[in-house]
Amino acid sequence: ASLNEDALLANAGAQLVALFLNPIAAMVSDAFGVERQQLVANILIMVLGPVGMHVATNREASARARFASVSVLLGSLQGFAGATIYLLVVQLFSVKTRNTRMGFAYNVSLAIFGGLFPVCAELIGPSKVWCLLLMTGLISVLGCCGALVIMPRKKAWQ
């Protein structure tokens, strides 16, 4: 099989794992609260993301094995973190804020980190990808700290 076929199978596998974990993530967020569920999920992403990068760049394993392991890992993280983030956004922001400011910020961040990250990683080479991961992690931590400082304690933005 070609590399494109392997990548397609890995992507389909990641989506299937994510679909399987969506109801489990919803049950966890119902039981413990969406805030705690998102905190744990994002910590897992920060810890296991570099593991996924290491597996993906391991040249000793076959391409199919690398794609399969990374798709299971990233699919499970996506299913656990991505399924309930919208519940947290509903709790934190009013309809007006969600439909304007949050939508704009989401699409800009998706365009920058979702579209440009692979291009930048390809340009700087696999040995320096940790710089990009560190930069995005730092931006994420600063964003979380900023949100904790700015947001009111009791009520969501009105």
C-alpha atoms as a PDB file:
ATOM      1  CA  ALA A   1       0.000   0.000   0.000  1.00  0.00           C
ATOM      2  CA  SER A   2       1.130   3.536  -0.651  1.00  0.00           C
ATOM      3  CA  LEU A   3       1.811   6.187   1.949  1.00  0.00           C
ATOM      4  CA  ASN A   4      -1.379   8.030   0.955  1.00  0.00           C
ATOM      5  CA  GLU A   5      -3.470   4.917   1.552  1.00  0.00           C
ATOM      6  CA  ASP A   6      -1.828   4.403   4.938  1.00  0.00           C
ATOM      7  CA  ALA A   7      -2.479   8.026   5.874  1.00  0.00           C
ATOM      8  CA  LEU A   8      -6.121   7.711   4.822  1.00  0.00           C
ATOM      9  CA  LEU A   9      -6.531   4.547   6.896  1.00  0.00           C
ATOM     10  CA  ALA A  10      -4.849   6.206   9.885  1.00  0.00           C
ATOM     11  CA  ASN A  11      -7.126   9.223   9.642  1.00  0.00           C
ATOM     12  CA  ALA A  12     -10.203   7.018   9.384  1.00  0.00           C
ATOM     13  CA  GLY A  13      -8.966   5.035  12.382  1.00  0.00           C
ATOM     14  CA  ALA A  14      -8.469   8.205  14.412  1.00  0.00           C
ATOM     15  CA  GLN A  15     -11.987   9.364  13.607  1.00  0.00           C
ATOM     16  CA  LEU A  16     -13.457   5.983  14.579  1.00  0.00           C
ATOM     17  CA  VAL A  17     -11.607   6.013  17.905  1.00  0.00           C
ATOM     18  CA  ALA A  18     -12.802   9.583  18.508  1.00  0.00           C
ATOM     19  CA  LEU A  19     -16.404   8.609  17.720  1.00  0.00           C
ATOM     20  CA  PHE A  20     -16.175   5.708  20.137  1.00  0.00           C
ATOM     21  CA  LEU A  21     -14.833   7.935  22.924  1.00  0.00           C
ATOM     22  CA  ASN A  22     -17.290  10.820  22.465  1.00  0.00           C
ATOM     23  CA  PRO A  23     -20.059   9.246  24.603  1.00  0.00           C
ATOM     24  CA  ILE A  24     -17.513   8.225  27.243  1.00  0.00           C
ATOM     25  CA  ALA A  25     -16.183  11.788  27.395  1.00  0.00           C
ATOM     26  CA  ALA A  26     -19.750  13.061  27.749  1.00  0.00           C
ATOM     27  CA  MET A  27     -20.418  10.674  30.650  1.00  0.00           C
ATOM     28  CA  VAL A  28     -17.182  11.723  32.361  1.00  0.00           C
ATOM     29  CA  SER A  29     -18.066  15.411  31.971  1.00  0.00           C
ATOM     30  CA  ASP A  30     -21.564  14.745  33.371  1.00  0.00           C
ATOM     31  CA  ALA A  31     -20.134  12.913  36.359  1.00  0.00           C
ATOM     32  CA  PHE A  32     -17.217  15.216  37.208  1.00  0.00           C
ATOM     33  CA  GLY A  33     -18.010  18.475  35.428  1.00  0.00           C
ATOM     34  CA  VAL A  34     -16.870  19.646  32.028  1.00  0.00           C
ATOM     35  CA  GLU A  35     -14.182  21.878  33.551  1.00  0.00           C
ATOM     36  CA  ARG A  36     -12.406  18.975  35.246  1.00  0.00           C
ATOM     37  CA  GLN A  37     -12.823  16.743  32.209  1.00  0.00           C
ATOM     38  CA  GLN A  38     -11.270  19.393  29.939  1.00  0.00           C
ATOM     39  CA  LEU A  39      -8.416  20.000  32.381  1.00  0.00           C
ATOM     40  CA  VAL A  40      -7.514  16.306  32.471  1.00  0.00           C
ATOM     41  CA  ALA A  41      -7.930  15.932  28.699  1.00  0.00           C
ATOM     42  CA  ASN A  42      -5.682  18.885  27.934  1.00  0.00           C
ATOM     43  CA  ILE A  43      -3.024  17.729  30.383  1.00  0.00           C
ATOM     44  CA  LEU A  44      -3.089  14.348  28.627  1.00  0.00           C
ATOM     45  CA  ILE A  45      -2.658  16.090  25.285  1.00  0.00           C
ATOM     46  CA  MET A  46       0.341  18.053  26.591  1.00  0.00           C
ATOM     47  CA  VAL A  47       1.929  14.923  28.040  1.00  0.00           C
ATOM     48  CA  LEU A  48       1.105  12.451  25.267  1.00  0.00           C
ATOM     49  CA  GLY A  49       1.538  14.807  22.304  1.00  0.00           C
ATOM     50  CA  PRO A  50       5.332  14.523  22.329  1.00  0.00           C
ATOM     51  CA  VAL A  51       4.948  10.738  22.621  1.00  0.00           C
ATOM     52  CA  GLY A  52       2.890  10.825  19.432  1.00  0.00           C
ATOM     53  CA  MET A  53       5.564  12.926  17.741  1.00  0.00           C
ATOM     54  CA  HIS A  54       8.237  10.436  18.803  1.00  0.00           C
ATOM     55  CA  VAL A  55       6.218   7.500  17.478  1.00  0.00           C
ATOM     56  CA  ALA A  56       5.505   9.312  14.210  1.00  0.00           C
ATOM     57  CA  THR A  57       9.174  10.054  13.598  1.00  0.00           C
ATOM     58  CA  ASN A  58      10.474   6.599  14.588  1.00  0.00           C
ATOM     59  CA  ARG A  59      12.021   5.324  11.363  1.00  0.00           C
ATOM     60  CA  GLU A  60      12.537   1.795  12.671  1.00  0.00           C
ATOM     61  CA  ALA A  61       8.827   0.978  12.572  1.00  0.00           C
ATOM     62  CA  SER A  62       6.873   0.616   9.357  1.00  0.00           C
ATOM     63  CA  ALA A  63       4.820   3.534   8.099  1.00  0.00           C
ATOM     64  CA  ARG A  64       1.608   1.593   8.662  1.00  0.00           C
ATOM     65  CA  ALA A  65       2.514   0.839  12.293  1.00  0.00           C
ATOM     66  CA  ARG A  66       3.461   4.470  12.914  1.00  0.00           C
ATOM     67  CA  PHE A  67       0.236   5.753  11.385  1.00  0.00           C
ATOM     68  CA  ALA A  68      -1.864   3.226  13.305  1.00  0.00           C
ATOM     69  CA  SER A  69      -0.320   3.989  16.690  1.00  0.00           C
ATOM     70  CA  VAL A  70      -0.466   7.745  16.196  1.00  0.00           C
ATOM     71  CA  SER A  71      -4.049   7.592  14.919  1.00  0.00           C
ATOM     72  CA  VAL A  72      -5.170   5.609  17.962  1.00  0.00           C
ATOM     73  CA  LEU A  73      -3.345   7.970  20.322  1.00  0.00           C
ATOM     74  CA  LEU A  74      -4.473  11.200  18.695  1.00  0.00           C
ATOM     75  CA  GLY A  75      -7.953   9.873  17.964  1.00  0.00           C
ATOM     76  CA  SER A  76      -8.458   9.022  21.613  1.00  0.00           C
ATOM     77  CA  LEU A  77      -7.202  12.432  22.709  1.00  0.00           C
ATOM     78  CA  GLN A  78      -9.397  14.159  20.145  1.00  0.00           C
ATOM     79  CA  GLY A  79     -12.420  12.123  21.198  1.00  0.00           C
ATOM     80  CA  PHE A  80     -11.865  12.873  24.850  1.00  0.00           C
ATOM     81  CA  ALA A  81     -11.011  16.578  24.575  1.00  0.00           C
ATOM     82  CA  GLY A  82     -12.815  17.689  21.443  1.00  0.00           C
ATOM     83  CA  ALA A  83     -16.196  16.215  22.231  1.00  0.00           C
ATOM     84  CA  THR A  84     -17.045  18.356  25.242  1.00  0.00           C
ATOM     85  CA  ILE A  85     -15.199  21.633  24.684  1.00  0.00           C
ATOM     86  CA  TYR A  86     -18.392  23.128  23.286  1.00  0.00           C
ATOM     87  CA  LEU A  87     -20.168  22.450  26.586  1.00  0.00           C
ATOM     88  CA  LEU A  88     -17.539  24.480  28.377  1.00  0.00           C
ATOM     89  CA  VAL A  89     -17.864  27.322  25.881  1.00  0.00           C
ATOM     90  CA  VAL A  90     -21.643  27.363  26.429  1.00  0.00           C
ATOM     91  CA  GLN A  91     -21.089  27.648  30.188  1.00  0.00           C
ATOM     92  CA  LEU A  92     -18.498  30.401  29.907  1.00  0.00           C
ATOM     93  CA  PHE A  93     -19.818  32.760  27.237  1.00  0.00           C
ATOM     94  CA  SER A  94     -23.085  34.390  26.254  1.00  0.00           C
ATOM     95  CA  VAL A  95     -24.688  33.719  22.866  1.00  0.00           C
ATOM     96  CA  LYS A  96     -23.451  37.019  21.436  1.00  0.00           C
ATOM     97  CA  THR A  97     -19.893  36.360  22.539  1.00  0.00           C
ATOM     98  CA  ARG A  98     -19.964  32.764  21.277  1.00  0.00           C
ATOM     99  CA  ASN A  99     -21.309  33.732  17.868  1.00  0.00           C
ATOM    100  CA  THR A 100     -18.922  36.603  17.205  1.00  0.00           C
ATOM    101  CA  ARG A 101     -15.752  36.798  19.260  1.00  0.00           C
ATOM    102  CA  MET A 102     -15.272  33.097  20.009  1.00  0.00           C
ATOM    103  CA  GLY A 103     -16.033  32.059  16.431  1.00  0.00           C
ATOM    104  CA  PHE A 104     -13.469  34.499  15.086  1.00  0.00           C
ATOM    105  CA  ALA A 105     -10.805  33.426  17.589  1.00  0.00           C
ATOM    106  CA  TYR A 106     -11.464  29.757  16.908  1.00  0.00           C
ATOM    107  CA  ASN A 107     -11.198  30.109  13.145  1.00  0.00           C
ATOM    108  CA  VAL A 108      -8.061  32.244  13.311  1.00  0.00           C
ATOM    109  CA  SER A 109      -6.346  29.805  15.680  1.00  0.00           C
ATOM    110  CA  LEU A 110      -7.409  26.867  13.520  1.00  0.00           C
ATOM    111  CA  ALA A 111      -5.987  28.568  10.445  1.00  0.00           C
ATOM    112  CA  ILE A 112      -2.693  29.395  12.174  1.00  0.00           C
ATOM    113  CA  PHE A 113      -2.035  26.238  14.178  1.00  0.00           C
ATOM    114  CA  GLY A 114      -4.046  23.782  12.099  1.00  0.00           C
ATOM    115  CA  GLY A 115      -2.850  24.954   8.711  1.00  0.00           C
ATOM    116  CA  LEU A 116       0.542  26.497   9.257  1.00  0.00           C
ATOM    117  CA  PHE A 117       1.935  24.114  11.879  1.00  0.00           C
ATOM    118  CA  PRO A 118       2.553  21.250   9.411  1.00  0.00           C
ATOM    119  CA  VAL A 119       4.077  23.671   6.905  1.00  0.00           C
ATOM    120  CA  CYS A 120       6.393  25.177   9.536  1.00  0.00           C
ATOM    121  CA  ALA A 121       7.309  21.712  10.819  1.00  0.00           C
ATOM    122  CA  GLU A 122       8.213  20.655   7.291  1.00  0.00           C
ATOM    123  CA  LEU A 123      10.273  23.803   6.722  1.00  0.00           C
ATOM    124  CA  ILE A 124      12.352  23.586   9.892  1.00  0.00           C
ATOM    125  CA  GLY A 125      12.774  19.829   9.789  1.00  0.00           C
ATOM    126  CA  PRO A 126      11.866  17.073  12.220  1.00  0.00           C
ATOM    127  CA  SER A 127      14.721  17.784  14.613  1.00  0.00           C
ATOM    128  CA  LYS A 128      13.369  21.254  15.475  1.00  0.00           C
ATOM    129  CA  VAL A 129       9.643  20.456  15.736  1.00  0.00           C
ATOM    130  CA  TRP A 130       9.940  20.627  19.522  1.00  0.00           C
ATOM    131  CA  CYS A 131      10.374  24.418  19.129  1.00  0.00           C
ATOM    132  CA  LEU A 132       6.923  24.679  17.560  1.00  0.00           C
ATOM    133  CA  LEU A 133       5.413  22.395  20.190  1.00  0.00           C
ATOM    134  CA  LEU A 134       6.983  24.471  22.941  1.00  0.00           C
ATOM    135  CA  MET A 135       5.704  27.695  21.357  1.00  0.00           C
ATOM    136  CA  THR A 136       2.130  26.432  21.006  1.00  0.00           C
ATOM    137  CA  GLY A 137       2.232  25.000  24.524  1.00  0.00           C
ATOM    138  CA  LEU A 138       3.443  28.319  25.921  1.00  0.00           C
ATOM    139  CA  ILE A 139       0.713  30.201  24.065  1.00  0.00           C
ATOM    140  CA  SER A 140      -1.868  27.743  25.439  1.00  0.00           C
ATOM    141  CA  VAL A 141      -0.645  28.153  29.010  1.00  0.00           C
ATOM    142  CA  LEU A 142      -0.606  31.956  28.678  1.00  0.00           C
ATOM    143  CA  GLY A 143      -4.131  31.864  27.256  1.00  0.00           C
ATOM    144  CA  CYS A 144      -5.366  29.746  30.163  1.00  0.00           C
ATOM    145  CA  CYS A 145      -3.694  32.031  32.700  1.00  0.00           C
ATOM    146  CA  GLY A 146      -5.129  35.089  30.972  1.00  0.00           C
ATOM    147  CA  ALA A 147      -8.612  33.574  31.006  1.00  0.00           C
ATOM    148  CA  LEU A 148      -8.322  32.823  34.723  1.00  0.00           C
ATOM    149  CA  VAL A 149      -7.303  36.430  35.444  1.00  0.00           C
ATOM    150  CA  ILE A 150      -9.873  38.089  33.191  1.00  0.00           C
ATOM    151  CA  MET A 151     -12.960  35.959  33.802  1.00  0.00           C
ATOM    152  CA  PRO A 152     -15.292  36.653  36.701  1.00  0.00           C
ATOM    153  CA  ARG A 153     -15.483  33.981  39.376  1.00  0.00           C
ATOM    154  CA  LYS A 154     -19.238  33.483  39.709  1.00  0.00           C
ATOM    155  CA  LYS A 155     -20.934  34.205  36.409  1.00  0.00           C
ATOM    156  CA  ALA A 156     -19.973  33.784  32.794  1.00  0.00           C
ATOM    157  CA  TRP A 157     -19.500  36.815  30.539  1.00  0.00           C
ATOM    158  CA  GLN A 158     -22.770  38.551  29.843  1.00  0.00           C
END
